[in-house]
C-alpha atoms as a PDB file:
ATOM      1  CA  MET A   1       0.000   0.000   0.000  1.00  0.00           C
ATOM      2  CA  ASP A   2       1.316   3.425  -0.978  1.00  0.00           C
ATOM      3  CA  GLU A   3       2.304   5.880   1.729  1.00  0.00           C
ATOM      4  CA  PRO A   4      -0.017   8.847   2.181  1.00  0.00           C
ATOM      5  CA  ARG A   5       1.142  11.922   0.237  1.00  0.00           C
ATOM      6  CA  GLY A   6       1.703  13.940   3.440  1.00  0.00           C
ATOM      7  CA  LEU A   7       4.030  11.280   4.864  1.00  0.00           C
ATOM      8  CA  ARG A   8       6.020  11.083   1.631  1.00  0.00           C
ATOM      9  CA  GLU A   9       6.418  14.853   1.586  1.00  0.00           C
ATOM     10  CA  ARG A  10       7.623  14.898   5.190  1.00  0.00           C
ATOM     11  CA  LYS A  11      10.163  12.153   4.462  1.00  0.00           C
ATOM     12  CA  ARG A  12      11.363  14.024   1.382  1.00  0.00           C
ATOM     13  CA  GLN A  13      11.733  17.225   3.383  1.00  0.00           C
ATOM     14  CA  ARG A  14      13.705  15.441   6.094  1.00  0.00           C
ATOM     15  CA  THR A  15      16.067  13.981   3.489  1.00  0.00           C
ATOM     16  CA  HIS A  16      16.369  17.379   1.801  1.00  0.00           C
ATOM     17  CA  ASP A  17      17.255  19.088   5.088  1.00  0.00           C
ATOM     18  CA  ALA A  18      19.682  16.333   6.140  1.00  0.00           C
ATOM     19  CA  LEU A  19      21.562  16.577   2.842  1.00  0.00           C
ATOM     20  CA  SER A  20      21.856  20.328   3.116  1.00  0.00           C
ATOM     21  CA  GLU A  21      22.987  20.225   6.743  1.00  0.00           C
ATOM     22  CA  ALA A  22      25.641  17.636   5.910  1.00  0.00           C
ATOM     23  CA  ALA A  23      26.856  19.713   2.968  1.00  0.00           C
ATOM     24  CA  ILE A  24      27.017  23.021   4.833  1.00  0.00           C
ATOM     25  CA  SER A  25      28.791  21.375   7.777  1.00  0.00           C
ATOM     26  CA  LEU A  26      31.457  19.999   5.425  1.00  0.00           C
ATOM     27  CA  PHE A  27      31.770  23.276   3.518  1.00  0.00           C
ATOM     28  CA  LEU A  28      32.233  25.315   6.683  1.00  0.00           C
ATOM     29  CA  ARG A  29      34.729  22.829   8.122  1.00  0.00           C
ATOM     30  CA  HIS A  30      36.883  22.279   5.037  1.00  0.00           C
ATOM     31  CA  GLY A  31      36.017  25.072   2.604  1.00  0.00           C
ATOM     32  CA  TYR A  32      33.439  25.123  -0.180  1.00  0.00           C
ATOM     33  CA  ASP A  33      35.894  24.524  -3.017  1.00  0.00           C
ATOM     34  CA  GLN A  34      37.668  21.720  -1.168  1.00  0.00           C
ATOM     35  CA  VAL A  35      34.520  19.587  -0.776  1.00  0.00           C
ATOM     36  CA  SER A  36      33.030  17.771  -3.765  1.00  0.00           C
ATOM     37  CA  VAL A  37      29.471  16.679  -4.345  1.00  0.00           C
ATOM     38  CA  ALA A  38      30.729  13.105  -4.013  1.00  0.00           C
ATOM     39  CA  ASP A  39      32.079  13.978  -0.565  1.00  0.00           C
ATOM     40  CA  VAL A  40      28.676  15.321   0.467  1.00  0.00           C
ATOM     41  CA  ALA A  41      26.873  12.253  -0.863  1.00  0.00           C
ATOM     42  CA  ALA A  42      29.267   9.959   1.008  1.00  0.00           C
ATOM     43  CA  ALA A  43      28.835  11.891   4.255  1.00  0.00           C
ATOM     44  CA  ALA A  44      25.057  11.733   3.908  1.00  0.00           C
ATOM     45  CA  GLU A  45      25.199   8.055   2.886  1.00  0.00           C
ATOM     46  CA  VAL A  46      23.352   8.539  -0.390  1.00  0.00           C
ATOM     47  CA  SER A  47      24.362   8.205  -4.020  1.00  0.00           C
ATOM     48  CA  LYS A  48      25.225  11.206  -6.177  1.00  0.00           C
ATOM     49  CA  PRO A  49      22.129  10.635  -8.371  1.00  0.00           C
ATOM     50  CA  THR A  50      19.973  10.677  -5.242  1.00  0.00           C
ATOM     51  CA  LEU A  51      21.586  13.917  -4.077  1.00  0.00           C
ATOM     52  CA  PHE A  52      20.969  15.554  -7.442  1.00  0.00           C
ATOM     53  CA  LYS A  53      17.286  14.645  -7.214  1.00  0.00           C
ATOM     54  CA  TYR A  54      17.076  17.056  -4.294  1.00  0.00           C
ATOM     55  CA  PHE A  55      19.644  19.666  -5.311  1.00  0.00           C
ATOM     56  CA  PRO A  56      20.330  20.338  -9.000  1.00  0.00           C
ATOM     57  CA  SER A  57      23.747  21.861  -8.315  1.00  0.00           C
ATOM     58  CA  LYS A  58      26.408  22.181  -5.645  1.00  0.00           C
ATOM     59  CA  GLU A  59      25.430  25.837  -5.105  1.00  0.00           C
ATOM     60  CA  ASP A  60      21.860  24.806  -4.345  1.00  0.00           C
ATOM     61  CA  LEU A  61      23.079  22.776  -1.375  1.00  0.00           C
ATOM     62  CA  VAL A  62      24.056  26.070   0.250  1.00  0.00           C
ATOM     63  CA  LEU A  63      21.700  28.679  -1.091  1.00  0.00           C
ATOM     64  CA  HIS A  64      18.402  26.917  -0.528  1.00  0.00           C
ATOM     65  CA  ARG A  65      18.616  28.500   2.925  1.00  0.00           C
ATOM     66  CA  ILE A  66      17.875  31.912   1.462  1.00  0.00           C
ATOM     67  CA  LEU A  67      15.257  30.847  -1.083  1.00  0.00           C
ATOM     68  CA  ASP A  68      12.432  31.722   1.312  1.00  0.00           C
ATOM     69  CA  HIS A  69      13.513  35.351   0.959  1.00  0.00           C
ATOM     70  CA  ARG A  70      13.349  35.414  -2.848  1.00  0.00           C
ATOM     71  CA  GLY A  71      10.701  37.902  -3.924  1.00  0.00           C
ATOM     72  CA  GLU A  72      10.264  39.049  -0.328  1.00  0.00           C
ATOM     73  CA  ALA A  73      10.286  42.784  -1.087  1.00  0.00           C
ATOM     74  CA  ALA A  74       7.576  42.310  -3.699  1.00  0.00           C
ATOM     75  CA  ARG A  75       5.456  40.344  -1.227  1.00  0.00           C
ATOM     76  CA  VAL A  76       5.875  43.085   1.381  1.00  0.00           C
ATOM     77  CA  VAL A  77       4.618  45.695  -1.080  1.00  0.00           C
ATOM     78  CA  ARG A  78       1.652  43.590  -2.168  1.00  0.00           C
ATOM     79  CA  ASP A  79       0.711  42.594   1.399  1.00  0.00           C
ATOM     80  CA  ARG A  80       1.061  46.065   2.929  1.00  0.00           C
ATOM     81  CA  SER A  81      -1.780  47.506   5.000  1.00  0.00           C
ATOM     82  CA  PRO A  82      -4.453  49.627   3.279  1.00  0.00           C
ATOM     83  CA  GLY A  83      -3.235  53.201   3.044  1.00  0.00           C
ATOM     84  CA  GLU A  84       0.401  52.233   3.691  1.00  0.00           C
ATOM     85  CA  ALA A  85       2.971  53.475   1.177  1.00  0.00           C
ATOM     86  CA  PRO A  86       5.256  50.874  -0.452  1.00  0.00           C
ATOM     87  CA  LEU A  87       8.416  52.426   1.009  1.00  0.00           C
ATOM     88  CA  ALA A  88       6.866  52.651   4.467  1.00  0.00           C
ATOM     89  CA  ALA A  89       6.014  48.934   4.305  1.00  0.00           C
ATOM     90  CA  LEU A  90       9.532  48.038   3.185  1.00  0.00           C
ATOM     91  CA  ARG A  91      11.079  50.161   5.940  1.00  0.00           C
ATOM     92  CA  ARG A  92       8.808  48.612   8.569  1.00  0.00           C
ATOM     93  CA  HIS A  93       9.683  45.109   7.348  1.00  0.00           C
ATOM     94  CA  PHE A  94      13.439  45.750   7.368  1.00  0.00           C
ATOM     95  CA  LEU A  95      13.369  47.267  10.854  1.00  0.00           C
ATOM     96  CA  ALA A  96      11.335  44.314  12.120  1.00  0.00           C
ATOM     97  CA  GLY A  97      13.965  42.009  10.632  1.00  0.00           C
ATOM     98  CA  LEU A  98      16.655  43.839  12.573  1.00  0.00           C
ATOM     99  CA  ASP A  99      14.660  43.435  15.776  1.00  0.00           C
ATOM    100  CA  ARG A 100      14.290  39.677  15.326  1.00  0.00           C
ATOM    101  CA  ARG A 101      17.894  39.282  14.111  1.00  0.00           C
ATOM    102  CA  ASP A 102      16.877  37.934  10.727  1.00  0.00           C
ATOM    103  CA  PRO A 103      20.085  36.751   9.014  1.00  0.00           C
ATOM    104  CA  VAL A 104      18.985  38.408   5.762  1.00  0.00           C
ATOM    105  CA  THR A 105      19.473  41.819   7.412  1.00  0.00           C
ATOM    106  CA  GLY A 106      23.073  40.902   8.279  1.00  0.00           C
ATOM    107  CA  LEU A 107      22.359  41.421  11.980  1.00  0.00           C
ATOM    108  CA  ASN A 108      22.783  37.921  13.354  1.00  0.00           C
ATOM    109  CA  ASP A 109      25.911  37.083  15.307  1.00  0.00           C
ATOM    110  CA  HIS A 110      25.458  33.329  15.632  1.00  0.00           C
ATOM    111  CA  PRO A 111      28.867  31.878  14.706  1.00  0.00           C
ATOM    112  CA  GLU A 112      27.430  29.557  12.047  1.00  0.00           C
ATOM    113  CA  VAL A 113      25.459  32.408  10.452  1.00  0.00           C
ATOM    114  CA  LEU A 114      28.564  34.585  10.325  1.00  0.00           C
ATOM    115  CA  ALA A 115      30.570  31.725   8.842  1.00  0.00           C
ATOM    116  CA  PHE A 116      27.785  31.005   6.343  1.00  0.00           C
ATOM    117  CA  HIS A 117      27.743  34.627   5.148  1.00  0.00           C
ATOM    118  CA  GLY A 118      31.519  34.634   4.911  1.00  0.00           C
ATOM    119  CA  MET A 119      31.453  31.492   2.793  1.00  0.00           C
ATOM    120  CA  VAL A 120      28.744  32.815   0.469  1.00  0.00           C
ATOM    121  CA  PHE A 121      30.320  36.224  -0.120  1.00  0.00           C
ATOM    122  CA  GLY A 122      33.825  34.784  -0.286  1.00  0.00           C
ATOM    123  CA  THR A 123      33.038  32.131  -2.902  1.00  0.00           C
ATOM    124  CA  PRO A 124      32.668  33.538  -6.443  1.00  0.00           C
ATOM    125  CA  SER A 125      30.198  30.919  -7.672  1.00  0.00           C
ATOM    126  CA  LEU A 126      27.941  31.407  -4.649  1.00  0.00           C
ATOM    127  CA  ALA A 127      28.197  35.195  -4.803  1.00  0.00           C
ATOM    128  CA  ALA A 128      27.298  35.068  -8.492  1.00  0.00           C
ATOM    129  CA  ARG A 129      24.204  32.997  -7.756  1.00  0.00           C
ATOM    130  CA  VAL A 130      23.173  35.462  -5.019  1.00  0.00           C
ATOM    131  CA  ALA A 131      23.539  38.263  -7.578  1.00  0.00           C
ATOM    132  CA  GLN A 132      21.161  36.355  -9.851  1.00  0.00           C
ATOM    133  CA  TYR A 133      18.675  36.131  -6.998  1.00  0.00           C
ATOM    134  CA  ALA A 134      19.003  39.889  -6.458  1.00  0.00           C
ATOM    135  CA  THR A 135      18.168  40.485 -10.113  1.00  0.00           C
ATOM    136  CA  HIS A 136      15.088  38.301  -9.748  1.00  0.00           C
ATOM    137  CA  ASP A 137      14.075  40.194  -6.605  1.00  0.00           C
ATOM    138  CA  GLU A 138      14.530  43.513  -8.388  1.00  0.00           C
ATOM    139  CA  GLU A 139      12.302  42.424 -11.269  1.00  0.00           C
ATOM    140  CA  ALA A 140       9.610  41.113  -8.910  1.00  0.00           C
ATOM    141  CA  LEU A 141       9.709  44.303  -6.844  1.00  0.00           C
ATOM    142  CA  ALA A 142       9.423  46.430  -9.974  1.00  0.00           C
ATOM    143  CA  GLU A 143       6.244  44.555 -10.904  1.00  0.00           C
ATOM    144  CA  ALA A 144       4.815  45.077  -7.424  1.00  0.00           C
ATOM    145  CA  LEU A 145       5.670  48.785  -7.471  1.00  0.00           C
ATOM    146  CA  ALA A 146       4.077  49.151 -10.888  1.00  0.00           C
ATOM    147  CA  GLU A 147       0.887  47.635  -9.480  1.00  0.00           C
ATOM    148  CA  ALA A 148       1.054  49.935  -6.453  1.00  0.00           C
ATOM    149  CA  ALA A 149       1.477  53.067  -8.572  1.00  0.00           C
ATOM    150  CA  PRO A 150      -0.152  52.412 -11.962  1.00  0.00           C
ATOM    151  CA  ALA A 151       0.103  56.104 -12.925  1.00  0.00           C
ATOM    152  CA  ALA A 152       3.889  55.875 -12.978  1.00  0.00           C
ATOM    153  CA  ASP A 153       5.922  54.834 -15.987  1.00  0.00           C
ATOM    154  CA  ALA A 154       7.182  51.235 -16.013  1.00  0.00           C
ATOM    155  CA  LEU A 155      10.754  52.536 -16.150  1.00  0.00           C
ATOM    156  CA  ASP A 156      10.137  54.462 -12.924  1.00  0.00           C
ATOM    157  CA  ALA A 157       9.173  51.243 -11.160  1.00  0.00           C
ATOM    158  CA  ARG A 158      12.318  49.484 -12.394  1.00  0.00           C
ATOM    159  CA  LEU A 159      14.534  52.386 -11.334  1.00  0.00           C
ATOM    160  CA  ALA A 160      12.899  52.499  -7.906  1.00  0.00           C
ATOM    161  CA  ALA A 161      13.225  48.733  -7.449  1.00  0.00           C
ATOM    162  CA  SER A 162      16.927  48.782  -8.326  1.00  0.00           C
ATOM    163  CA  GLN A 163      17.605  51.508  -5.745  1.00  0.00           C
ATOM    164  CA  ILE A 164      15.604  49.760  -3.005  1.00  0.00           C
ATOM    165  CA  VAL A 165      17.240  46.371  -3.540  1.00  0.00           C
ATOM    166  CA  ALA A 166      20.689  47.990  -3.588  1.00  0.00           C
ATOM    167  CA  VAL A 167      20.012  49.882  -0.349  1.00  0.00           C
ATOM    168  CA  GLN A 168      18.856  46.747   1.459  1.00  0.00           C
ATOM    169  CA  ARG A 169      21.909  44.838   0.243  1.00  0.00           C
ATOM    170  CA  VAL A 170      24.309  47.575   1.389  1.00  0.00           C
ATOM    171  CA  LEU A 171      22.642  47.800   4.801  1.00  0.00           C
ATOM    172  CA  ALA A 172      22.899  44.034   5.294  1.00  0.00           C
ATOM    173  CA  ARG A 173      26.540  43.888   4.228  1.00  0.00           C
ATOM    174  CA  GLU A 174      27.395  46.791   6.544  1.00  0.00           C
ATOM    175  CA  ASN A 175      25.751  45.044   9.490  1.00  0.00           C
ATOM    176  CA  TRP A 176      27.630  41.839   8.710  1.00  0.00           C
ATOM    177  CA  ARG A 177      30.910  43.782   8.429  1.00  0.00           C
ATOM    178  CA  ARG A 178      30.423  45.296  11.874  1.00  0.00           C
ATOM    179  CA  LEU A 179      29.786  41.890  13.373  1.00  0.00           C
ATOM    180  CA  THR A 180      32.924  40.439  11.781  1.00  0.00           C
ATOM    181  CA  GLU A 181      34.880  43.169  13.567  1.00  0.00           C
ATOM    182  CA  GLY A 182      33.905  41.561  16.868  1.00  0.00           C
ATOM    183  CA  ARG A 183      30.840  43.536  17.907  1.00  0.00           C
ATOM    184  CA  THR A 184      27.681  41.735  19.001  1.00  0.00           C
ATOM    185  CA  ALA A 185      24.304  42.062  17.344  1.00  0.00           C
ATOM    186  CA  ALA A 186      22.995  43.752  20.484  1.00  0.00           C
ATOM    187  CA  GLU A 187      25.787  46.333  20.285  1.00  0.00           C
ATOM    188  CA  VAL A 188      25.241  46.988  16.572  1.00  0.00           C
ATOM    189  CA  HIS A 189      21.430  47.081  16.661  1.00  0.00           C
ATOM    190  CA  ALA A 190      20.999  50.784  17.437  1.00  0.00           C
ATOM    191  CA  ASP A 191      23.483  51.796  14.726  1.00  0.00           C
ATOM    192  CA  ALA A 192      21.788  49.433  12.279  1.00  0.00           C
ATOM    193  CA  VAL A 193      18.385  51.004  12.961  1.00  0.00           C
ATOM    194  CA  THR A 194      19.809  54.506  12.539  1.00  0.00           C
ATOM    195  CA  ALA A 195      21.471  53.520   9.257  1.00  0.00           C
ATOM    196  CA  ALA A 196      18.283  51.902   7.959  1.00  0.00           C
ATOM    197  CA  ASP A 197      16.163  54.933   8.838  1.00  0.00           C
ATOM    198  CA  HIS A 198      18.695  57.214   7.147  1.00  0.00           C
ATOM    199  CA  ALA A 199      18.794  55.036   4.029  1.00  0.00           C
ATOM    200  CA  PHE A 200      15.013  54.858   3.720  1.00  0.00           C
ATOM    201  CA  ASP A 201      14.774  58.626   4.299  1.00  0.00           C
ATOM    202  CA  LEU A 202      17.110  59.091   1.338  1.00  0.00           C
ATOM    203  CA  LEU A 203      14.971  56.759  -0.741  1.00  0.00           C
ATOM    204  CA  ALA A 204      11.803  58.595   0.265  1.00  0.00           C
ATOM    205  CA  GLY A 205      13.408  61.901  -0.709  1.00  0.00           C
ATOM    206  CA  GLY A 206      13.993  60.671  -4.239  1.00  0.00           C
ATOM    207  CA  LEU A 207      11.212  58.124  -4.746  1.00  0.00           C
ATOM    208  CA  THR A 208       8.461  60.429  -3.540  1.00  0.00           C
ATOM    209  CA  GLY A 209       5.683  58.673  -5.401  1.00  0.00           C
ATOM    210  CA  TYR A 210       6.378  55.399  -3.632  1.00  0.00           C
ATOM    211  CA  ALA A 211       6.679  57.153  -0.272  1.00  0.00           C
ATOM    212  CA  GLU A 212       3.019  58.154  -0.450  1.00  0.00           C
ATOM    213  CA  PRO A 213      -0.016  55.854  -0.292  1.00  0.00           C
ATOM    214  CA  GLY A 214      -1.615  57.410  -3.365  1.00  0.00           C
ATOM    215  CA  GLY A 215       0.931  56.213  -5.887  1.00  0.00           C
ATOM    216  CA  ALA A 216       3.424  57.888  -8.191  1.00  0.00           C
ATOM    217  CA  ARG A 217       3.204  60.061 -11.256  1.00  0.00           C
ATOM    218  CA  THR A 218       5.812  59.792 -14.003  1.00  0.00           C
ATOM    219  CA  ASP A 219       7.594  62.918 -12.648  1.00  0.00           C
ATOM    220  CA  ASP A 220       7.658  61.607  -9.076  1.00  0.00           C
ATOM    221  CA  VAL A 221      10.664  59.314  -9.306  1.00  0.00           C
ATOM    222  CA  GLY A 222      14.246  60.493  -9.280  1.00  0.00           C
ATOM    223  CA  PRO A 223      17.609  59.835  -7.710  1.00  0.00           C
ATOM    224  CA  PRO A 224      17.598  59.539  -3.917  1.00  0.00           C
ATOM    225  CA  GLY A 225      18.128  62.832  -2.111  1.00  0.00           C
ATOM    226  CA  ARG A 226      17.063  65.072  -5.022  1.00  0.00           C
ATOM    227  CA  PRO A 227      13.581  66.684  -5.127  1.00  0.00           C
ATOM    228  CA  THR A 228      11.433  65.495  -8.007  1.00  0.00           C
ATOM    229  CA  GLY A 229       8.270  66.569  -9.704  1.00  0.00           C
ATOM    230  CA  GLY A 230       8.867  70.228  -8.904  1.00  0.00           C
ATOM    231  CA  ARG A 231       8.102  69.716  -5.207  1.00  0.00           C
END
């Protein structure tokens, strides 16, 4: 008799998680480039074909951890409260991430998280894949911004999305840098909040249409820090 679908899915998820944990443990211990897929399969006691059923590439063994965050900015914009401006929702979400020490904000000082970030940003193939994810996030955010402000030109939404994604990336990398200097997340938190508020203020100064609940006009979007639309 076949196993119920729910049981099969749980077993598959457990195998998926076990493979990834084994891989990341080996990568952190010996270095990403020094560990082969065959090494991971042997450590997890599965065949290489079985491993590739769960993870199409070596990079996927690492980066599946951040897949839940793909398209996150777009979801925040679409799920914002009635009357809330897109930028206000994104600011609120980023600040909440700092408060809960979400690794994606860079403000998490758990040793394994710090080592994980160091491995990702220090390995060209992993960093390149993260850059691809950022491009995907930018495109998804542009679509969400276009929906939020239909009066604006499509180019305005793409320009705004590129600036927002870049700001969030810089903030996260700066938080991570401070932690690698030996400070704790608790010590960095206040500075991280101040930096985030400053960054989003700069965005709001340039992306005025997306800083207001009513949406943007085509003359409402410009470089951060420069008045637009004659206002």
